[in-house]
């Protein structure tokens, strides 16, 4: 799973503890990757998102 957001976004901050729980629950079976869309901005471009937070399940 790819989580796209920023460390400054309030909804992103509210989602973070939930994703930490899911990461622990699925450790060894799935990966949860956080990409900060502001640092560097080019990292999120391939996903074509327009709002954050956005989670993409691959």
PDB file of N, CA and C in Angstrom:
ATOM      1  N   UNK A   1       0.850  -1.156   0.000  1.00  0.00           N
ATOM      2  CA  UNK A   1       0.000   0.000   0.000  1.00  0.00           C
ATOM      3  C   UNK A   1       0.899   1.223   0.000  1.00  0.00           C
ATOM      4  N   UNK A   2       0.524   2.206  -0.766  1.00  0.00           N
ATOM      5  CA  UNK A   2       1.250   3.467  -0.801  1.00  0.00           C
ATOM      6  C   UNK A   2       0.349   4.521  -0.176  1.00  0.00           C
ATOM      7  N   UNK A   3       0.866   5.217   0.824  1.00  0.00           N
ATOM      8  CA  UNK A   3       0.156   6.303   1.489  1.00  0.00           C
ATOM      9  C   UNK A   3       0.803   7.601   1.040  1.00  0.00           C
ATOM     10  N   UNK A   4       0.030   8.451   0.387  1.00  0.00           N
ATOM     11  CA  UNK A   4       0.539   9.728  -0.098  1.00  0.00           C
ATOM     12  C   UNK A   4      -0.055  10.847   0.747  1.00  0.00           C
ATOM     13  N   UNK A   5       0.809  11.692   1.280  1.00  0.00           N
ATOM     14  CA  UNK A   5       0.360  12.790   2.131  1.00  0.00           C
ATOM     15  C   UNK A   5       1.541  13.674   2.491  1.00  0.00           C
ATOM     16  N   UNK A   6       1.395  14.413   3.568  1.00  0.00           N
ATOM     17  CA  UNK A   6       2.489  15.236   4.083  1.00  0.00           C
ATOM     18  C   UNK A   6       2.504  15.118   5.603  1.00  0.00           C
ATOM     19  N   UNK A   7       3.596  15.498   6.178  1.00  0.00           N
ATOM     20  CA  UNK A   7       3.697  15.501   7.634  1.00  0.00           C
ATOM     21  C   UNK A   7       3.018  16.716   8.244  1.00  0.00           C
ATOM     22  N   UNK A   8       2.584  17.667   7.407  1.00  0.00           N
ATOM     23  CA  UNK A   8       1.943  18.894   7.883  1.00  0.00           C
ATOM     24  C   UNK A   8       0.422  18.864   7.752  1.00  0.00           C
ATOM     25  N   UNK A   9      -0.114  17.904   7.040  1.00  0.00           N
ATOM     26  CA  UNK A   9      -1.548  17.802   6.754  1.00  0.00           C
ATOM     27  C   UNK A   9      -2.279  17.185   7.953  1.00  0.00           C
ATOM     28  N   UNK A  10      -3.297  17.870   8.473  1.00  0.00           N
ATOM     29  CA  UNK A  10      -4.028  17.375   9.644  1.00  0.00           C
ATOM     30  C   UNK A  10      -4.705  16.027   9.357  1.00  0.00           C
ATOM     31  N   UNK A  11      -5.453  15.863   8.247  1.00  0.00           N
ATOM     32  CA  UNK A  11      -6.036  14.547   7.983  1.00  0.00           C
ATOM     33  C   UNK A  11      -4.968  13.453   7.836  1.00  0.00           C
ATOM     34  N   UNK A  12      -3.820  13.806   7.269  1.00  0.00           N
ATOM     35  CA  UNK A  12      -2.724  12.834   7.135  1.00  0.00           C
ATOM     36  C   UNK A  12      -2.226  12.415   8.515  1.00  0.00           C
ATOM     37  N   UNK A  13      -2.105  13.373   9.417  1.00  0.00           N
ATOM     38  CA  UNK A  13      -1.658  13.077  10.777  1.00  0.00           C
ATOM     39  C   UNK A  13      -2.664  12.182  11.501  1.00  0.00           C
ATOM     40  N   UNK A  14      -3.953  12.394  11.238  1.00  0.00           N
ATOM     41  CA  UNK A  14      -4.982  11.569  11.866  1.00  0.00           C
ATOM     42  C   UNK A  14      -4.972  10.144  11.316  1.00  0.00           C
ATOM     43  N   UNK A  15      -4.587   9.981  10.058  1.00  0.00           N
ATOM     44  CA  UNK A  15      -4.539   8.665   9.424  1.00  0.00           C
ATOM     45  C   UNK A  15      -3.299   7.874   9.853  1.00  0.00           C
ATOM     46  N   UNK A  16      -2.236   8.556  10.218  1.00  0.00           N
ATOM     47  CA  UNK A  16      -0.954   7.912  10.520  1.00  0.00           C
ATOM     48  C   UNK A  16      -1.041   6.792  11.563  1.00  0.00           C
ATOM     49  N   UNK A  17      -1.697   6.993  12.714  1.00  0.00           N
ATOM     50  CA  UNK A  17      -1.745   5.903  13.706  1.00  0.00           C
ATOM     51  C   UNK A  17      -2.480   4.666  13.189  1.00  0.00           C
ATOM     52  N   UNK A  18      -3.485   4.860  12.357  1.00  0.00           N
ATOM     53  CA  UNK A  18      -4.221   3.735  11.786  1.00  0.00           C
ATOM     54  C   UNK A  18      -3.309   2.939  10.864  1.00  0.00           C
ATOM     55  N   UNK A  19      -2.516   3.647  10.079  1.00  0.00           N
ATOM     56  CA  UNK A  19      -1.608   2.967   9.159  1.00  0.00           C
ATOM     57  C   UNK A  19      -0.478   2.260   9.898  1.00  0.00           C
ATOM     58  N   UNK A  20      -0.048   2.811  11.013  1.00  0.00           N
ATOM     59  CA  UNK A  20       0.966   2.141  11.835  1.00  0.00           C
ATOM     60  C   UNK A  20       0.398   0.819  12.356  1.00  0.00           C
ATOM     61  N   UNK A  21      -0.856   0.840  12.808  1.00  0.00           N
ATOM     62  CA  UNK A  21      -1.495  -0.396  13.273  1.00  0.00           C
ATOM     63  C   UNK A  21      -1.581  -1.425  12.148  1.00  0.00           C
ATOM     64  N   UNK A  22      -1.978  -0.981  10.959  1.00  0.00           N
ATOM     65  CA  UNK A  22      -2.071  -1.909   9.818  1.00  0.00           C
ATOM     66  C   UNK A  22      -0.701  -2.449   9.438  1.00  0.00           C
ATOM     67  N   UNK A  23       0.322  -1.605   9.532  1.00  0.00           N
ATOM     68  CA  UNK A  23       1.680  -2.060   9.214  1.00  0.00           C
ATOM     69  C   UNK A  23       2.112  -3.174  10.156  1.00  0.00           C
ATOM     70  N   UNK A  24       1.805  -3.012  11.433  1.00  0.00           N
ATOM     71  CA  UNK A  24       2.133  -4.050  12.415  1.00  0.00           C
ATOM     72  C   UNK A  24       1.326  -5.316  12.166  1.00  0.00           C
ATOM     73  N   UNK A  25       0.051  -5.148  11.847  1.00  0.00           N
ATOM     74  CA  UNK A  25      -0.829  -6.290  11.613  1.00  0.00           C
ATOM     75  C   UNK A  25      -0.397  -7.111  10.398  1.00  0.00           C
ATOM     76  N   UNK A  26       0.074  -6.440   9.358  1.00  0.00           N
ATOM     77  CA  UNK A  26       0.415  -7.119   8.103  1.00  0.00           C
ATOM     78  C   UNK A  26       1.923  -7.286   7.883  1.00  0.00           C
ATOM     79  N   UNK A  27       2.714  -7.047   8.921  1.00  0.00           N
ATOM     80  CA  UNK A  27       4.171  -7.182   8.801  1.00  0.00           C
ATOM     81  C   UNK A  27       4.542  -8.550   8.245  1.00  0.00           C
ATOM     82  N   UNK A  28       5.417  -8.534   7.252  1.00  0.00           N
ATOM     83  CA  UNK A  28       5.849  -9.771   6.632  1.00  0.00           C
ATOM     84  C   UNK A  28       4.936 -10.247   5.508  1.00  0.00           C
ATOM     85  N   UNK A  29       3.749  -9.668   5.409  1.00  0.00           N
ATOM     86  CA  UNK A  29       2.801 -10.064   4.362  1.00  0.00           C
ATOM     87  C   UNK A  29       2.501  -8.927   3.401  1.00  0.00           C
ATOM     88  N   UNK A  30       2.656  -7.695   3.865  1.00  0.00           N
ATOM     89  CA  UNK A  30       2.373  -6.524   3.028  1.00  0.00           C
ATOM     90  C   UNK A  30       3.227  -5.366   3.516  1.00  0.00           C
ATOM     91  N   UNK A  31       3.484  -4.443   2.629  1.00  0.00           N
ATOM     92  CA  UNK A  31       4.276  -3.259   2.987  1.00  0.00           C
ATOM     93  C   UNK A  31       3.395  -2.013   2.869  1.00  0.00           C
ATOM     94  N   UNK A  32       3.573  -1.099   3.814  1.00  0.00           N
ATOM     95  CA  UNK A  32       2.902   0.187   3.754  1.00  0.00           C
ATOM     96  C   UNK A  32       3.999   1.233   3.639  1.00  0.00           C
ATOM     97  N   UNK A  33       3.979   1.952   2.537  1.00  0.00           N
ATOM     98  CA  UNK A  33       5.009   2.941   2.227  1.00  0.00           C
ATOM     99  C   UNK A  33       4.392   4.336   2.271  1.00  0.00           C
ATOM    100  N   UNK A  34       5.025   5.257   2.994  1.00  0.00           N
ATOM    101  CA  UNK A  34       4.567   6.645   3.049  1.00  0.00           C
ATOM    102  C   UNK A  34       5.415   7.480   2.099  1.00  0.00           C
ATOM    103  N   UNK A  35       4.757   8.272   1.262  1.00  0.00           N
ATOM    104  CA  UNK A  35       5.458   9.212   0.385  1.00  0.00           C
ATOM    105  C   UNK A  35       4.962  10.613   0.719  1.00  0.00           C
ATOM    106  N   UNK A  36       5.892  11.474   1.130  1.00  0.00           N
ATOM    107  CA  UNK A  36       5.571  12.872   1.411  1.00  0.00           C
ATOM    108  C   UNK A  36       5.501  13.603   0.071  1.00  0.00           C
ATOM    109  N   UNK A  37       4.326  14.075  -0.293  1.00  0.00           N
ATOM    110  CA  UNK A  37       4.128  14.687  -1.607  1.00  0.00           C
ATOM    111  C   UNK A  37       4.810  16.045  -1.745  1.00  0.00           C
ATOM    112  N   UNK A  38       5.295  16.599  -0.640  1.00  0.00           N
ATOM    113  CA  UNK A  38       5.988  17.887  -0.702  1.00  0.00           C
ATOM    114  C   UNK A  38       7.499  17.734  -0.663  1.00  0.00           C
ATOM    115  N   UNK A  39       8.002  16.538  -0.343  1.00  0.00           N
ATOM    116  CA  UNK A  39       9.446  16.375  -0.165  1.00  0.00           C
ATOM    117  C   UNK A  39       9.941  15.043  -0.704  1.00  0.00           C
ATOM    118  N   UNK A  40      10.370  14.920  -1.889  1.00  0.00           N
ATOM    119  CA  UNK A  40      10.312  15.868  -3.005  1.00  0.00           C
ATOM    120  C   UNK A  40       8.988  15.722  -3.752  1.00  0.00           C
ATOM    121  N   UNK A  41       8.490  16.800  -4.320  1.00  0.00           N
ATOM    122  CA  UNK A  41       7.191  16.763  -4.997  1.00  0.00           C
ATOM    123  C   UNK A  41       7.149  15.768  -6.165  1.00  0.00           C
ATOM    124  N   UNK A  42       8.261  15.534  -6.804  1.00  0.00           N
ATOM    125  CA  UNK A  42       8.297  14.630  -7.958  1.00  0.00           C
ATOM    126  C   UNK A  42       7.972  13.184  -7.575  1.00  0.00           C
ATOM    127  N   UNK A  43       8.141  12.818  -6.315  1.00  0.00           N
ATOM    128  CA  UNK A  43       7.907  11.436  -5.876  1.00  0.00           C
ATOM    129  C   UNK A  43       6.451  11.019  -6.047  1.00  0.00           C
ATOM    130  N   UNK A  44       5.523  11.947  -5.927  1.00  0.00           N
ATOM    131  CA  UNK A  44       4.099  11.621  -6.018  1.00  0.00           C
ATOM    132  C   UNK A  44       3.549  11.762  -7.432  1.00  0.00           C
ATOM    133  N   UNK A  45       4.259  12.424  -8.300  1.00  0.00           N
ATOM    134  CA  UNK A  45       3.769  12.682  -9.655  1.00  0.00           C
ATOM    135  C   UNK A  45       3.299  11.433 -10.404  1.00  0.00           C
ATOM    136  N   UNK A  46       4.027  10.324 -10.340  1.00  0.00           N
ATOM    137  CA  UNK A  46       3.585   9.136 -11.086  1.00  0.00           C
ATOM    138  C   UNK A  46       2.206   8.618 -10.677  1.00  0.00           C
ATOM    139  N   UNK A  47       1.744   8.972  -9.481  1.00  0.00           N
ATOM    140  CA  UNK A  47       0.464   8.478  -8.997  1.00  0.00           C
ATOM    141  C   UNK A  47      -0.709   9.342  -9.447  1.00  0.00           C
ATOM    142  N   UNK A  48      -0.442  10.565  -9.926  1.00  0.00           N
ATOM    143  CA  UNK A  48      -1.485  11.432 -10.457  1.00  0.00           C
ATOM    144  C   UNK A  48      -2.582  11.789  -9.465  1.00  0.00           C
ATOM    145  N   UNK A  49      -2.233  11.993  -8.211  1.00  0.00           N
ATOM    146  CA  UNK A  49      -3.249  12.307  -7.201  1.00  0.00           C
ATOM    147  C   UNK A  49      -3.558  13.796  -7.190  1.00  0.00           C
ATOM    148  N   UNK A  50      -4.754  14.136  -6.699  1.00  0.00           N
ATOM    149  CA  UNK A  50      -5.138  15.542  -6.606  1.00  0.00           C
ATOM    150  C   UNK A  50      -5.511  15.943  -5.183  1.00  0.00           C
ATOM    151  N   UNK A  51      -5.682  14.982  -4.297  1.00  0.00           N
ATOM    152  CA  UNK A  51      -5.992  15.289  -2.896  1.00  0.00           C
ATOM    153  C   UNK A  51      -5.190  14.372  -1.984  1.00  0.00           C
ATOM    154  N   UNK A  52      -4.961  14.853  -0.768  1.00  0.00           N
ATOM    155  CA  UNK A  52      -4.285  14.045   0.240  1.00  0.00           C
ATOM    156  C   UNK A  52      -5.109  14.068   1.505  1.00  0.00           C
ATOM    157  N   UNK A  53      -5.035  13.050   2.322  1.00  0.00           N
ATOM    158  CA  UNK A  53      -4.274  11.834   2.113  1.00  0.00           C
ATOM    159  C   UNK A  53      -4.943  10.920   1.073  1.00  0.00           C
ATOM    160  N   UNK A  54      -4.115  10.185   0.380  1.00  0.00           N
ATOM    161  CA  UNK A  54      -4.578   9.184  -0.581  1.00  0.00           C
ATOM    162  C   UNK A  54      -3.832   7.895  -0.320  1.00  0.00           C
ATOM    163  N   UNK A  55      -4.563   6.792  -0.266  1.00  0.00           N
ATOM    164  CA  UNK A  55      -3.942   5.487  -0.124  1.00  0.00           C
ATOM    165  C   UNK A  55      -4.238   4.702  -1.400  1.00  0.00           C
ATOM    166  N   UNK A  56      -3.186   4.106  -1.938  1.00  0.00           N
ATOM    167  CA  UNK A  56      -3.317   3.303  -3.150  1.00  0.00           C
ATOM    168  C   UNK A  56      -2.879   1.890  -2.812  1.00  0.00           C
ATOM    169  N   UNK A  57      -3.740   0.946  -3.109  1.00  0.00           N
ATOM    170  CA  UNK A  57      -3.437  -0.459  -2.865  1.00  0.00           C
ATOM    171  C   UNK A  57      -2.961  -1.083  -4.161  1.00  0.00           C
ATOM    172  N   UNK A  58      -1.742  -1.588  -4.136  1.00  0.00           N
ATOM    173  CA  UNK A  58      -1.168  -2.194  -5.341  1.00  0.00           C
ATOM    174  C   UNK A  58      -1.089  -3.694  -5.172  1.00  0.00           C
TER     175      UNK A  58
END
